[in-house]
Amino acid sequence: MDTKLTYSQAIKRLEELVGQVEDPSLPISQVLEKVKEATALVNFCREELRKGEEQVNQILNNKSDNL
């Protein structure tokens, strides 16, 4: 996965892939390639969300410590 990929770019690409996979004329070999790419993108997005949640929790914990 491209380390310079943003969450927004990953979501956009996932939307493109869904549209492509829904095409009934797409050969199964290409469907499988797109599903593989989509799986990697979903994992990337999950990791980005996990990191974001961790940062929010740190901010909230630091703020409550200062009260």
PDB file of N, CA and C in Angstrom:
ATOM      1  N   MET A   1       0.851  -1.180   0.000  1.00  0.00           N
ATOM      2  CA  MET A   1       0.000   0.000   0.000  1.00  0.00           C
ATOM      3  C   MET A   1       0.888   1.231   0.000  1.00  0.00           C
ATOM      4  N   ASP A   2       0.514   2.208  -0.801  1.00  0.00           N
ATOM      5  CA  ASP A   2       1.253   3.467  -0.913  1.00  0.00           C
ATOM      6  C   ASP A   2       1.205   4.213   0.416  1.00  0.00           C
ATOM      7  N   THR A   3       2.373   4.506   0.987  1.00  0.00           N
ATOM      8  CA  THR A   3       2.413   5.165   2.295  1.00  0.00           C
ATOM      9  C   THR A   3       1.956   6.616   2.212  1.00  0.00           C
ATOM     10  N   LYS A   4       1.893   7.195   1.005  1.00  0.00           N
ATOM     11  CA  LYS A   4       1.448   8.575   0.853  1.00  0.00           C
ATOM     12  C   LYS A   4      -0.055   8.661   0.597  1.00  0.00           C
ATOM     13  N   LEU A   5      -0.725   7.546   0.587  1.00  0.00           N
ATOM     14  CA  LEU A   5      -2.156   7.495   0.368  1.00  0.00           C
ATOM     15  C   LEU A   5      -2.880   8.117   1.556  1.00  0.00           C
ATOM     16  N   THR A   6      -3.884   8.939   1.273  1.00  0.00           N
ATOM     17  CA  THR A   6      -4.683   9.512   2.355  1.00  0.00           C
ATOM     18  C   THR A   6      -5.955   8.688   2.532  1.00  0.00           C
ATOM     19  N   TYR A   7      -6.585   8.894   3.658  1.00  0.00           N
ATOM     20  CA  TYR A   7      -7.849   8.212   3.941  1.00  0.00           C
ATOM     21  C   TYR A   7      -8.877   8.564   2.864  1.00  0.00           C
ATOM     22  N   SER A   8      -8.964   9.844   2.522  1.00  0.00           N
ATOM     23  CA  SER A   8      -9.931  10.290   1.507  1.00  0.00           C
ATOM     24  C   SER A   8      -9.668   9.649   0.149  1.00  0.00           C
ATOM     25  N   GLN A   9      -8.408   9.537  -0.212  1.00  0.00           N
ATOM     26  CA  GLN A   9      -8.067   8.898  -1.487  1.00  0.00           C
ATOM     27  C   GLN A   9      -8.438   7.424  -1.466  1.00  0.00           C
ATOM     28  N   ALA A  10      -8.212   6.783  -0.331  1.00  0.00           N
ATOM     29  CA  ALA A  10      -8.540   5.362  -0.210  1.00  0.00           C
ATOM     30  C   ALA A  10     -10.044   5.147  -0.334  1.00  0.00           C
ATOM     31  N   ILE A  11     -10.832   6.001   0.307  1.00  0.00           N
ATOM     32  CA  ILE A  11     -12.288   5.882   0.226  1.00  0.00           C
ATOM     33  C   ILE A  11     -12.762   6.097  -1.215  1.00  0.00           C
ATOM     34  N   LYS A  12     -12.196   7.095  -1.880  1.00  0.00           N
ATOM     35  CA  LYS A  12     -12.564   7.365  -3.270  1.00  0.00           C
ATOM     36  C   LYS A  12     -12.258   6.154  -4.153  1.00  0.00           C
ATOM     37  N   ARG A  13     -11.074   5.564  -3.948  1.00  0.00           N
ATOM     38  CA  ARG A  13     -10.696   4.394  -4.745  1.00  0.00           C
ATOM     39  C   ARG A  13     -11.618   3.214  -4.439  1.00  0.00           C
ATOM     40  N   LEU A  14     -11.991   3.048  -3.188  1.00  0.00           N
ATOM     41  CA  LEU A  14     -12.925   1.975  -2.833  1.00  0.00           C
ATOM     42  C   LEU A  14     -14.260   2.156  -3.555  1.00  0.00           C
ATOM     43  N   GLU A  15     -14.738   3.386  -3.621  1.00  0.00           N
ATOM     44  CA  GLU A  15     -15.985   3.659  -4.325  1.00  0.00           C
ATOM     45  C   GLU A  15     -15.858   3.307  -5.805  1.00  0.00           C
ATOM     46  N   GLU A  16     -14.703   3.634  -6.395  1.00  0.00           N
ATOM     47  CA  GLU A  16     -14.466   3.285  -7.797  1.00  0.00           C
ATOM     48  C   GLU A  16     -14.476   1.772  -7.983  1.00  0.00           C
ATOM     49  N   LEU A  17     -13.814   1.080  -7.087  1.00  0.00           N
ATOM     50  CA  LEU A  17     -13.730  -0.377  -7.184  1.00  0.00           C
ATOM     51  C   LEU A  17     -15.109  -1.027  -7.072  1.00  0.00           C
ATOM     52  N   VAL A  18     -15.929  -0.521  -6.173  1.00  0.00           N
ATOM     53  CA  VAL A  18     -17.279  -1.069  -6.015  1.00  0.00           C
ATOM     54  C   VAL A  18     -18.043  -0.926  -7.328  1.00  0.00           C
ATOM     55  N   GLY A  19     -17.950   0.244  -7.946  1.00  0.00           N
ATOM     56  CA  GLY A  19     -18.617   0.455  -9.223  1.00  0.00           C
ATOM     57  C   GLY A  19     -18.125  -0.497 -10.295  1.00  0.00           C
ATOM     58  N   GLN A  20     -16.833  -0.735 -10.311  1.00  0.00           N
ATOM     59  CA  GLN A  20     -16.260  -1.634 -11.310  1.00  0.00           C
ATOM     60  C   GLN A  20     -16.669  -3.083 -11.071  1.00  0.00           C
ATOM     61  N   VAL A  21     -16.663  -3.501  -9.825  1.00  0.00           N
ATOM     62  CA  VAL A  21     -16.999  -4.889  -9.496  1.00  0.00           C
ATOM     63  C   VAL A  21     -18.468  -5.183  -9.776  1.00  0.00           C
ATOM     64  N   GLU A  22     -19.310  -4.161  -9.703  1.00  0.00           N
ATOM     65  CA  GLU A  22     -20.731  -4.356  -9.970  1.00  0.00           C
ATOM     66  C   GLU A  22     -21.037  -4.556 -11.452  1.00  0.00           C
ATOM     67  N   ASP A  23     -20.052  -4.341 -12.310  1.00  0.00           N
ATOM     68  CA  ASP A  23     -20.229  -4.528 -13.755  1.00  0.00           C
ATOM     69  C   ASP A  23     -20.267  -6.029 -14.058  1.00  0.00           C
ATOM     70  N   PRO A  24     -21.410  -6.541 -14.513  1.00  0.00           N
ATOM     71  CA  PRO A  24     -21.527  -7.983 -14.745  1.00  0.00           C
ATOM     72  C   PRO A  24     -20.653  -8.503 -15.888  1.00  0.00           C
ATOM     73  N   SER A  25     -20.157  -7.615 -16.731  1.00  0.00           N
ATOM     74  CA  SER A  25     -19.325  -8.068 -17.852  1.00  0.00           C
ATOM     75  C   SER A  25     -17.848  -8.198 -17.476  1.00  0.00           C
ATOM     76  N   LEU A  26     -17.505  -7.806 -16.247  1.00  0.00           N
ATOM     77  CA  LEU A  26     -16.112  -7.880 -15.802  1.00  0.00           C
ATOM     78  C   LEU A  26     -15.705  -9.339 -15.580  1.00  0.00           C
ATOM     79  N   PRO A  27     -14.616  -9.751 -16.191  1.00  0.00           N
ATOM     80  CA  PRO A  27     -14.153 -11.139 -15.997  1.00  0.00           C
ATOM     81  C   PRO A  27     -13.822 -11.410 -14.524  1.00  0.00           C
ATOM     82  N   ILE A  28     -14.065 -12.627 -14.112  1.00  0.00           N
ATOM     83  CA  ILE A  28     -13.866 -12.995 -12.704  1.00  0.00           C
ATOM     84  C   ILE A  28     -12.432 -12.750 -12.249  1.00  0.00           C
ATOM     85  N   SER A  29     -11.467 -12.918 -13.124  1.00  0.00           N
ATOM     86  CA  SER A  29     -10.075 -12.676 -12.740  1.00  0.00           C
ATOM     87  C   SER A  29      -9.860 -11.215 -12.364  1.00  0.00           C
ATOM     88  N   GLN A  30     -10.512 -10.312 -13.062  1.00  0.00           N
ATOM     89  CA  GLN A  30     -10.403  -8.894 -12.731  1.00  0.00           C
ATOM     90  C   GLN A  30     -11.191  -8.550 -11.477  1.00  0.00           C
ATOM     91  N   VAL A  31     -12.321  -9.218 -11.290  1.00  0.00           N
ATOM     92  CA  VAL A  31     -13.094  -9.029 -10.061  1.00  0.00           C
ATOM     93  C   VAL A  31     -12.224  -9.398  -8.863  1.00  0.00           C
ATOM     94  N   LEU A  32     -11.545 -10.525  -8.967  1.00  0.00           N
ATOM     95  CA  LEU A  32     -10.701 -10.979  -7.862  1.00  0.00           C
ATOM     96  C   LEU A  32      -9.568  -9.993  -7.583  1.00  0.00           C
ATOM     97  N   GLU A  33      -8.969  -9.437  -8.627  1.00  0.00           N
ATOM     98  CA  GLU A  33      -7.908  -8.437  -8.448  1.00  0.00           C
ATOM     99  C   GLU A  33      -8.445  -7.205  -7.732  1.00  0.00           C
ATOM    100  N   LYS A  34      -9.629  -6.772  -8.129  1.00  0.00           N
ATOM    101  CA  LYS A  34     -10.226  -5.582  -7.530  1.00  0.00           C
ATOM    102  C   LYS A  34     -10.642  -5.834  -6.085  1.00  0.00           C
ATOM    103  N   VAL A  35     -11.114  -7.025  -5.798  1.00  0.00           N
ATOM    104  CA  VAL A  35     -11.473  -7.374  -4.422  1.00  0.00           C
ATOM    105  C   VAL A  35     -10.211  -7.401  -3.550  1.00  0.00           C
ATOM    106  N   LYS A  36      -9.132  -7.903  -4.092  1.00  0.00           N
ATOM    107  CA  LYS A  36      -7.865  -7.923  -3.358  1.00  0.00           C
ATOM    108  C   LYS A  36      -7.405  -6.496  -3.049  1.00  0.00           C
ATOM    109  N   GLU A  37      -7.479  -5.618  -4.044  1.00  0.00           N
ATOM    110  CA  GLU A  37      -7.100  -4.217  -3.829  1.00  0.00           C
ATOM    111  C   GLU A  37      -8.026  -3.562  -2.803  1.00  0.00           C
ATOM    112  N   ALA A  38      -9.319  -3.840  -2.928  1.00  0.00           N
ATOM    113  CA  ALA A  38     -10.290  -3.265  -1.996  1.00  0.00           C
ATOM    114  C   ALA A  38     -10.027  -3.717  -0.565  1.00  0.00           C
ATOM    115  N   THR A  39      -9.667  -4.962  -0.399  1.00  0.00           N
ATOM    116  CA  THR A  39      -9.368  -5.486   0.935  1.00  0.00           C
ATOM    117  C   THR A  39      -8.181  -4.748   1.554  1.00  0.00           C
ATOM    118  N   ALA A  40      -7.154  -4.506   0.762  1.00  0.00           N
ATOM    119  CA  ALA A  40      -5.990  -3.758   1.248  1.00  0.00           C
ATOM    120  C   ALA A  40      -6.387  -2.333   1.619  1.00  0.00           C
ATOM    121  N   LEU A  41      -7.249  -1.724   0.824  1.00  0.00           N
ATOM    122  CA  LEU A  41      -7.697  -0.361   1.115  1.00  0.00           C
ATOM    123  C   LEU A  41      -8.545  -0.310   2.387  1.00  0.00           C
ATOM    124  N   VAL A  42      -9.405  -1.292   2.580  1.00  0.00           N
ATOM    125  CA  VAL A  42     -10.223  -1.353   3.793  1.00  0.00           C
ATOM    126  C   VAL A  42      -9.317  -1.490   5.015  1.00  0.00           C
ATOM    127  N   ASN A  43      -8.310  -2.335   4.921  1.00  0.00           N
ATOM    128  CA  ASN A  43      -7.370  -2.495   6.036  1.00  0.00           C
ATOM    129  C   ASN A  43      -6.629  -1.191   6.316  1.00  0.00           C
ATOM    130  N   PHE A  44      -6.226  -0.488   5.261  1.00  0.00           N
ATOM    131  CA  PHE A  44      -5.567   0.806   5.416  1.00  0.00           C
ATOM    132  C   PHE A  44      -6.491   1.790   6.134  1.00  0.00           C
ATOM    133  N   CYS A  45      -7.748   1.858   5.699  1.00  0.00           N
ATOM    134  CA  CYS A  45      -8.705   2.780   6.317  1.00  0.00           C
ATOM    135  C   CYS A  45      -8.954   2.439   7.784  1.00  0.00           C
ATOM    136  N   ARG A  46      -9.080   1.175   8.074  1.00  0.00           N
ATOM    137  CA  ARG A  46      -9.266   0.761   9.474  1.00  0.00           C
ATOM    138  C   ARG A  46      -8.098   1.202  10.342  1.00  0.00           C
ATOM    139  N   GLU A  47      -6.896   1.051   9.822  1.00  0.00           N
ATOM    140  CA  GLU A  47      -5.706   1.447  10.568  1.00  0.00           C
ATOM    141  C   GLU A  47      -5.668   2.963  10.772  1.00  0.00           C
ATOM    142  N   GLU A  48      -6.032   3.714   9.743  1.00  0.00           N
ATOM    143  CA  GLU A  48      -6.068   5.172   9.868  1.00  0.00           C
ATOM    144  C   GLU A  48      -7.102   5.596  10.919  1.00  0.00           C
ATOM    145  N   LEU A  49      -8.253   4.956  10.916  1.00  0.00           N
ATOM    146  CA  LEU A  49      -9.280   5.264  11.911  1.00  0.00           C
ATOM    147  C   LEU A  49      -8.811   4.896  13.321  1.00  0.00           C
ATOM    148  N   ARG A  50      -8.116   3.771  13.445  1.00  0.00           N
ATOM    149  CA  ARG A  50      -7.596   3.362  14.746  1.00  0.00           C
ATOM    150  C   ARG A  50      -6.598   4.394  15.271  1.00  0.00           C
ATOM    151  N   LYS A  51      -5.708   4.852  14.389  1.00  0.00           N
ATOM    152  CA  LYS A  51      -4.724   5.870  14.780  1.00  0.00           C
ATOM    153  C   LYS A  51      -5.420   7.167  15.201  1.00  0.00           C
ATOM    154  N   GLY A  52      -6.431   7.547  14.446  1.00  0.00           N
ATOM    155  CA  GLY A  52      -7.168   8.763  14.779  1.00  0.00           C
ATOM    156  C   GLY A  52      -7.865   8.650  16.118  1.00  0.00           C
ATOM    157  N   GLU A  53      -8.464   7.509  16.373  1.00  0.00           N
ATOM    158  CA  GLU A  53      -9.133   7.285  17.654  1.00  0.00           C
ATOM    159  C   GLU A  53      -8.129   7.347  18.802  1.00  0.00           C
ATOM    160  N   GLU A  54      -6.973   6.770  18.584  1.00  0.00           N
ATOM    161  CA  GLU A  54      -5.923   6.795  19.601  1.00  0.00           C
ATOM    162  C   GLU A  54      -5.499   8.235  19.907  1.00  0.00           C
ATOM    163  N   GLN A  55      -5.350   9.049  18.869  1.00  0.00           N
ATOM    164  CA  GLN A  55      -4.967  10.446  19.075  1.00  0.00           C
ATOM    165  C   GLN A  55      -6.045  11.219  19.820  1.00  0.00           C
ATOM    166  N   VAL A  56      -7.305  10.986  19.473  1.00  0.00           N
ATOM    167  CA  VAL A  56      -8.401  11.657  20.174  1.00  0.00           C
ATOM    168  C   VAL A  56      -8.408  11.262  21.641  1.00  0.00           C
ATOM    169  N   ASN A  57      -8.228   9.977  21.913  1.00  0.00           N
ATOM    170  CA  ASN A  57      -8.199   9.517  23.304  1.00  0.00           C
ATOM    171  C   ASN A  57      -7.055  10.143  24.077  1.00  0.00           C
ATOM    172  N   GLN A  58      -5.889  10.280  23.458  1.00  0.00           N
ATOM    173  CA  GLN A  58      -4.754  10.927  24.114  1.00  0.00           C
ATOM    174  C   GLN A  58      -5.072  12.379  24.424  1.00  0.00           C
ATOM    175  N   ILE A  59      -5.681  13.071  23.478  1.00  0.00           N
ATOM    176  CA  ILE A  59      -6.039  14.472  23.690  1.00  0.00           C
ATOM    177  C   ILE A  59      -7.033  14.589  24.831  1.00  0.00           C
ATOM    178  N   LEU A  60      -8.043  13.739  24.823  1.00  0.00           N
ATOM    179  CA  LEU A  60      -9.053  13.787  25.878  1.00  0.00           C
ATOM    180  C   LEU A  60      -8.457  13.439  27.235  1.00  0.00           C
ATOM    181  N   ASN A  61      -7.565  12.462  27.273  1.00  0.00           N
ATOM    182  CA  ASN A  61      -6.931  12.092  28.538  1.00  0.00           C
ATOM    183  C   ASN A  61      -6.033  13.204  29.056  1.00  0.00           C
ATOM    184  N   ASN A  62      -5.309  13.845  28.186  1.00  0.00           N
ATOM    185  CA  ASN A  62      -4.440  14.959  28.596  1.00  0.00           C
ATOM    186  C   ASN A  62      -5.258  16.136  29.075  1.00  0.00           C
ATOM    187  N   LYS A  63      -6.381  16.396  28.428  1.00  0.00           N
ATOM    188  CA  LYS A  63      -7.229  17.513  28.812  1.00  0.00           C
ATOM    189  C   LYS A  63      -7.829  17.262  30.195  1.00  0.00           C
ATOM    190  N   SER A  64      -8.273  16.039  30.461  1.00  0.00           N
ATOM    191  CA  SER A  64      -8.881  15.743  31.773  1.00  0.00           C
ATOM    192  C   SER A  64      -7.823  15.740  32.866  1.00  0.00           C
ATOM    193  N   ASP A  65      -6.582  15.437  32.539  1.00  0.00           N
ATOM    194  CA  ASP A  65      -5.499  15.484  33.529  1.00  0.00           C
ATOM    195  C   ASP A  65      -5.202  16.917  33.946  1.00  0.00           C
ATOM    196  N   ASN A  66      -5.462  17.864  33.056  1.00  0.00           N
ATOM    197  CA  ASN A  66      -5.145  19.256  33.323  1.00  0.00           C
ATOM    198  C   ASN A  66      -6.289  19.986  34.019  1.00  0.00           C
ATOM    199  N   LEU A  67      -7.404  19.321  34.247  1.00  0.00           N
ATOM    200  CA  LEU A  67      -8.546  19.967  34.892  1.00  0.00           C
ATOM    201  C   LEU A  67      -8.398  20.048  36.372  1.00  0.00           C
TER     202      LEU A  67
END
